[in-house]
Amino acid sequence: MTPTTNIVLSGLGGQGVLTASGILAQAAIIAGFDVKTSEVHGMSQRGGSVRSDVRFGPNLTRTSPMVPEGGADYIVLLEDDQLPTVAHALSPEGIVVARAHIDGIALPNPRSRNVAILGALSRHLDNRITAAHFAQAIARVLPAKLHEANLSAFSLGREHANFAQSHTP
């Protein structure tokens, strides 16, 4: 049986944390997993910290939607300076996927940076959620007029992410 995958997305209000978590959750559903999500966005409308947890696996019936402390397989940072606010969630073997990993990528629309970071994350999830699952999720979650730019951003993030830069809590 495949274990649960735990992902914490973090950033600032207006960066698309909740949109990115919605796309990720939808991609996991399309891939056939049970999914639980949770979000914390108290002052997000004023540029404050936003956190969203996405958990997926074969059967999450008795699973909390919140990623337990030290249980995140991945932390996705839409704003790199948010690492201190979520570092406690990262497991010892966990991976941080950060905005810095896609710096320098020429995005068709700067507002699609959140989806480009999902593209970078997707390289780590290929054995569970494919790029095709993400493409379907983008089409389901976003309005049609945003599909092309976001599919392009996803592909750019997936193909050109620079994981030579590392982040450690």
C-alpha atoms as a PDB file:
ATOM      1  CA  MET A   1       0.000   0.000   0.000  1.00  0.00           C
ATOM      2  CA  THR A   2       1.266   3.480  -0.896  1.00  0.00           C
ATOM      3  CA  PRO A   3       1.796   5.796   2.080  1.00  0.00           C
ATOM      4  CA  THR A   4       0.274   9.221   2.499  1.00  0.00           C
ATOM      5  CA  THR A   5       2.142  12.108   0.889  1.00  0.00           C
ATOM      6  CA  ASN A   6       2.167  15.315   2.942  1.00  0.00           C
ATOM      7  CA  ILE A   7       2.786  18.704   1.328  1.00  0.00           C
ATOM      8  CA  VAL A   8       2.778  22.160   2.933  1.00  0.00           C
ATOM      9  CA  LEU A   9       2.487  25.198   0.657  1.00  0.00           C
ATOM     10  CA  SER A  10       3.428  28.568   2.109  1.00  0.00           C
ATOM     11  CA  GLY A  11       3.603  32.140   0.885  1.00  0.00           C
ATOM     12  CA  LEU A  12       2.038  35.541   1.251  1.00  0.00           C
ATOM     13  CA  GLY A  13      -1.489  36.691   0.541  1.00  0.00           C
ATOM     14  CA  GLY A  14      -2.011  37.304  -3.159  1.00  0.00           C
ATOM     15  CA  GLN A  15       0.692  34.907  -4.369  1.00  0.00           C
ATOM     16  CA  GLY A  16      -1.722  32.103  -5.224  1.00  0.00           C
ATOM     17  CA  VAL A  17      -1.010  29.648  -2.403  1.00  0.00           C
ATOM     18  CA  LEU A  18      -4.647  28.567  -2.249  1.00  0.00           C
ATOM     19  CA  THR A  19      -4.905  28.295  -6.034  1.00  0.00           C
ATOM     20  CA  ALA A  20      -1.737  26.189  -6.143  1.00  0.00           C
ATOM     21  CA  SER A  21      -3.030  23.908  -3.384  1.00  0.00           C
ATOM     22  CA  GLY A  22      -6.347  23.566  -5.239  1.00  0.00           C
ATOM     23  CA  ILE A  23      -4.536  22.517  -8.423  1.00  0.00           C
ATOM     24  CA  LEU A  24      -2.344  20.076  -6.473  1.00  0.00           C
ATOM     25  CA  ALA A  25      -5.356  18.566  -4.682  1.00  0.00           C
ATOM     26  CA  GLN A  26      -7.288  18.244  -7.935  1.00  0.00           C
ATOM     27  CA  ALA A  27      -4.289  16.575  -9.642  1.00  0.00           C
ATOM     28  CA  ALA A  28      -4.113  14.037  -6.783  1.00  0.00           C
ATOM     29  CA  ILE A  29      -7.847  13.332  -7.135  1.00  0.00           C
ATOM     30  CA  ILE A  30      -7.452  12.834 -10.894  1.00  0.00           C
ATOM     31  CA  ALA A  31      -4.578  10.436 -10.144  1.00  0.00           C
ATOM     32  CA  GLY A  32      -7.000   8.382  -8.031  1.00  0.00           C
ATOM     33  CA  PHE A  33      -6.008   9.337  -4.498  1.00  0.00           C
ATOM     34  CA  ASP A  34      -8.065  10.325  -1.490  1.00  0.00           C
ATOM     35  CA  VAL A  35      -7.216  13.938  -0.661  1.00  0.00           C
ATOM     36  CA  LYS A  36      -7.494  16.145   2.409  1.00  0.00           C
ATOM     37  CA  THR A  37      -6.682  19.845   2.470  1.00  0.00           C
ATOM     38  CA  SER A  38      -6.442  22.513   5.116  1.00  0.00           C
ATOM     39  CA  GLU A  39      -5.630  26.196   4.948  1.00  0.00           C
ATOM     40  CA  VAL A  40      -4.632  28.996   7.268  1.00  0.00           C
ATOM     41  CA  HIS A  41      -4.952  32.497   5.842  1.00  0.00           C
ATOM     42  CA  GLY A  42      -5.716  34.905   8.640  1.00  0.00           C
ATOM     43  CA  MET A  43      -4.175  38.141   7.346  1.00  0.00           C
ATOM     44  CA  SER A  44      -3.690  36.950   3.790  1.00  0.00           C
ATOM     45  CA  GLN A  45      -5.662  39.819   2.295  1.00  0.00           C
ATOM     46  CA  ARG A  46      -3.052  42.178   3.712  1.00  0.00           C
ATOM     47  CA  GLY A  47      -0.030  40.264   2.433  1.00  0.00           C
ATOM     48  CA  GLY A  48       0.309  38.122   5.553  1.00  0.00           C
ATOM     49  CA  SER A  49       1.398  34.504   5.721  1.00  0.00           C
ATOM     50  CA  VAL A  50      -0.741  31.866   4.039  1.00  0.00           C
ATOM     51  CA  ARG A  51      -0.350  28.127   4.558  1.00  0.00           C
ATOM     52  CA  SER A  52      -2.172  25.285   2.902  1.00  0.00           C
ATOM     53  CA  ASP A  53      -1.684  21.592   3.653  1.00  0.00           C
ATOM     54  CA  VAL A  54      -2.421  18.923   1.052  1.00  0.00           C
ATOM     55  CA  ARG A  55      -2.366  15.250   2.013  1.00  0.00           C
ATOM     56  CA  PHE A  56      -3.047  12.444  -0.422  1.00  0.00           C
ATOM     57  CA  GLY A  57      -2.908   8.683  -0.373  1.00  0.00           C
ATOM     58  CA  PRO A  58      -4.944   5.541  -0.899  1.00  0.00           C
ATOM     59  CA  ASN A  59      -7.287   5.905   2.099  1.00  0.00           C
ATOM     60  CA  LEU A  60      -7.429   8.998   4.284  1.00  0.00           C
ATOM     61  CA  THR A  61     -10.668   8.211   6.088  1.00  0.00           C
ATOM     62  CA  ARG A  62      -9.157   8.608   9.549  1.00  0.00           C
ATOM     63  CA  THR A  63      -6.533  11.185   8.646  1.00  0.00           C
ATOM     64  CA  SER A  64      -6.435  14.798   9.779  1.00  0.00           C
ATOM     65  CA  PRO A  65      -6.285  17.381   6.975  1.00  0.00           C
ATOM     66  CA  MET A  66      -3.366  19.056   8.792  1.00  0.00           C
ATOM     67  CA  VAL A  67       0.173  17.835   8.157  1.00  0.00           C
ATOM     68  CA  PRO A  68       1.610  16.850  11.548  1.00  0.00           C
ATOM     69  CA  GLU A  69       4.720  18.588  12.856  1.00  0.00           C
ATOM     70  CA  GLY A  70       7.773  16.945  11.269  1.00  0.00           C
ATOM     71  CA  GLY A  71       5.550  15.085   8.800  1.00  0.00           C
ATOM     72  CA  ALA A  72       5.839  17.113   5.572  1.00  0.00           C
ATOM     73  CA  ASP A  73       7.418  15.232   2.699  1.00  0.00           C
ATOM     74  CA  TYR A  74       7.570  18.525   0.779  1.00  0.00           C
ATOM     75  CA  ILE A  75       7.397  22.193   1.634  1.00  0.00           C
ATOM     76  CA  VAL A  76       6.553  24.434  -1.311  1.00  0.00           C
ATOM     77  CA  LEU A  77       7.535  28.063  -0.803  1.00  0.00           C
ATOM     78  CA  LEU A  78       5.986  30.755  -2.954  1.00  0.00           C
ATOM     79  CA  GLU A  79       8.012  33.242  -0.916  1.00  0.00           C
ATOM     80  CA  ASP A  80      11.363  31.909   0.269  1.00  0.00           C
ATOM     81  CA  ASP A  81      11.378  33.985   3.471  1.00  0.00           C
ATOM     82  CA  GLN A  82       8.356  31.980   4.688  1.00  0.00           C
ATOM     83  CA  LEU A  83      10.562  28.959   5.426  1.00  0.00           C
ATOM     84  CA  PRO A  84      10.943  29.825   9.137  1.00  0.00           C
ATOM     85  CA  THR A  85       7.144  29.820   9.548  1.00  0.00           C
ATOM     86  CA  VAL A  86       6.776  26.244   8.247  1.00  0.00           C
ATOM     87  CA  ALA A  87      10.203  24.615   8.783  1.00  0.00           C
ATOM     88  CA  HIS A  88       8.899  22.756  11.855  1.00  0.00           C
ATOM     89  CA  ALA A  89       6.553  20.807   9.556  1.00  0.00           C
ATOM     90  CA  LEU A  90       9.351  19.338   7.391  1.00  0.00           C
ATOM     91  CA  SER A  91      10.283  15.704   7.987  1.00  0.00           C
ATOM     92  CA  PRO A  92      14.008  14.877   8.330  1.00  0.00           C
ATOM     93  CA  GLU A  93      13.924  13.423   4.781  1.00  0.00           C
ATOM     94  CA  GLY A  94      11.677  16.202   3.463  1.00  0.00           C
ATOM     95  CA  ILE A  95      12.378  18.357   0.426  1.00  0.00           C
ATOM     96  CA  VAL A  96      11.913  22.114   0.102  1.00  0.00           C
ATOM     97  CA  VAL A  97      10.777  23.384  -3.303  1.00  0.00           C
ATOM     98  CA  ALA A  98      11.262  27.133  -3.304  1.00  0.00           C
ATOM     99  CA  ARG A  99      10.660  30.161  -5.459  1.00  0.00           C
ATOM    100  CA  ALA A 100      14.444  30.424  -5.776  1.00  0.00           C
ATOM    101  CA  HIS A 101      14.389  27.158  -7.745  1.00  0.00           C
ATOM    102  CA  ILE A 102      12.579  28.872 -10.622  1.00  0.00           C
ATOM    103  CA  ASP A 103      14.198  32.317 -10.488  1.00  0.00           C
ATOM    104  CA  GLY A 104      15.276  33.397 -13.919  1.00  0.00           C
ATOM    105  CA  ILE A 105      12.599  31.426 -15.758  1.00  0.00           C
ATOM    106  CA  ALA A 106      10.840  33.686 -18.251  1.00  0.00           C
ATOM    107  CA  LEU A 107       7.180  33.156 -17.409  1.00  0.00           C
ATOM    108  CA  PRO A 108       4.463  34.106 -19.904  1.00  0.00           C
ATOM    109  CA  ASN A 109       2.637  35.793 -17.030  1.00  0.00           C
ATOM    110  CA  PRO A 110       4.374  36.622 -13.720  1.00  0.00           C
ATOM    111  CA  ARG A 111       1.120  35.824 -11.898  1.00  0.00           C
ATOM    112  CA  SER A 112       1.576  32.161 -12.880  1.00  0.00           C
ATOM    113  CA  ARG A 113       4.701  31.770 -10.724  1.00  0.00           C
ATOM    114  CA  ASN A 114       2.692  29.607  -8.311  1.00  0.00           C
ATOM    115  CA  VAL A 115       1.956  27.141 -11.118  1.00  0.00           C
ATOM    116  CA  ALA A 116       5.609  27.205 -12.243  1.00  0.00           C
ATOM    117  CA  ILE A 117       6.592  26.175  -8.703  1.00  0.00           C
ATOM    118  CA  LEU A 118       4.061  23.320  -8.936  1.00  0.00           C
ATOM    119  CA  GLY A 119       5.879  22.302 -12.125  1.00  0.00           C
ATOM    120  CA  ALA A 120       9.112  22.091 -10.141  1.00  0.00           C
ATOM    121  CA  LEU A 121       7.356  20.088  -7.403  1.00  0.00           C
ATOM    122  CA  SER A 122       5.874  17.727  -9.992  1.00  0.00           C
ATOM    123  CA  ARG A 123       9.344  16.403 -10.816  1.00  0.00           C
ATOM    124  CA  HIS A 124       9.373  14.871  -7.323  1.00  0.00           C
ATOM    125  CA  LEU A 125       5.858  13.406  -7.638  1.00  0.00           C
ATOM    126  CA  ASP A 126       6.094  11.636 -11.015  1.00  0.00           C
ATOM    127  CA  ASN A 127       5.666   8.212  -9.446  1.00  0.00           C
ATOM    128  CA  ARG A 128       2.307   9.325  -7.969  1.00  0.00           C
ATOM    129  CA  ILE A 129       0.962  12.302  -9.952  1.00  0.00           C
ATOM    130  CA  THR A 130       1.996  12.809 -13.575  1.00  0.00           C
ATOM    131  CA  ALA A 131       2.364  16.010 -15.573  1.00  0.00           C
ATOM    132  CA  ALA A 132      -0.797  14.974 -17.454  1.00  0.00           C
ATOM    133  CA  HIS A 133      -2.725  14.871 -14.144  1.00  0.00           C
ATOM    134  CA  PHE A 134      -1.518  18.389 -13.365  1.00  0.00           C
ATOM    135  CA  ALA A 135      -2.526  19.601 -16.843  1.00  0.00           C
ATOM    136  CA  GLN A 136      -6.048  18.243 -16.314  1.00  0.00           C
ATOM    137  CA  ALA A 137      -6.182  19.875 -12.876  1.00  0.00           C
ATOM    138  CA  ILE A 138      -5.116  23.251 -14.283  1.00  0.00           C
ATOM    139  CA  ALA A 139      -7.919  22.963 -16.852  1.00  0.00           C
ATOM    140  CA  ARG A 140     -10.463  22.151 -14.117  1.00  0.00           C
ATOM    141  CA  VAL A 141      -9.404  24.736 -11.545  1.00  0.00           C
ATOM    142  CA  LEU A 142      -8.552  27.795 -13.628  1.00  0.00           C
ATOM    143  CA  PRO A 143     -10.730  29.758 -16.067  1.00  0.00           C
ATOM    144  CA  ALA A 144     -10.176  28.889 -19.748  1.00  0.00           C
ATOM    145  CA  LYS A 145      -8.522  32.240 -20.485  1.00  0.00           C
ATOM    146  CA  LEU A 146      -5.712  31.314 -18.041  1.00  0.00           C
ATOM    147  CA  HIS A 147      -5.048  27.773 -19.279  1.00  0.00           C
ATOM    148  CA  GLU A 148      -2.398  28.517 -21.906  1.00  0.00           C
ATOM    149  CA  ALA A 149      -0.240  30.770 -19.714  1.00  0.00           C
ATOM    150  CA  ASN A 150      -0.454  28.411 -16.743  1.00  0.00           C
ATOM    151  CA  LEU A 151       0.236  25.243 -18.728  1.00  0.00           C
ATOM    152  CA  SER A 152       3.280  27.018 -20.153  1.00  0.00           C
ATOM    153  CA  ALA A 153       4.396  28.131 -16.669  1.00  0.00           C
ATOM    154  CA  PHE A 154       3.944  24.587 -15.331  1.00  0.00           C
ATOM    155  CA  SER A 155       6.073  23.174 -18.168  1.00  0.00           C
ATOM    156  CA  LEU A 156       8.769  25.811 -17.690  1.00  0.00           C
ATOM    157  CA  GLY A 157       8.934  25.157 -13.946  1.00  0.00           C
ATOM    158  CA  ARG A 158       9.042  21.412 -14.515  1.00  0.00           C
ATOM    159  CA  GLU A 159      11.727  21.541 -17.187  1.00  0.00           C
ATOM    160  CA  HIS A 160      13.955  24.318 -15.910  1.00  0.00           C
ATOM    161  CA  ALA A 161      13.822  24.198 -12.112  1.00  0.00           C
ATOM    162  CA  ASN A 162      17.274  24.653 -10.623  1.00  0.00           C
ATOM    163  CA  PHE A 163      17.545  22.232  -7.730  1.00  0.00           C
ATOM    164  CA  ALA A 164      21.244  22.961  -7.345  1.00  0.00           C
ATOM    165  CA  GLN A 165      20.104  25.687  -4.967  1.00  0.00           C
ATOM    166  CA  SER A 166      19.109  24.068  -1.720  1.00  0.00           C
ATOM    167  CA  HIS A 167      17.195  25.238   1.311  1.00  0.00           C
ATOM    168  CA  THR A 168      17.545  23.739   4.731  1.00  0.00           C
ATOM    169  CA  PRO A 169      15.534  24.726   7.744  1.00  0.00           C
END
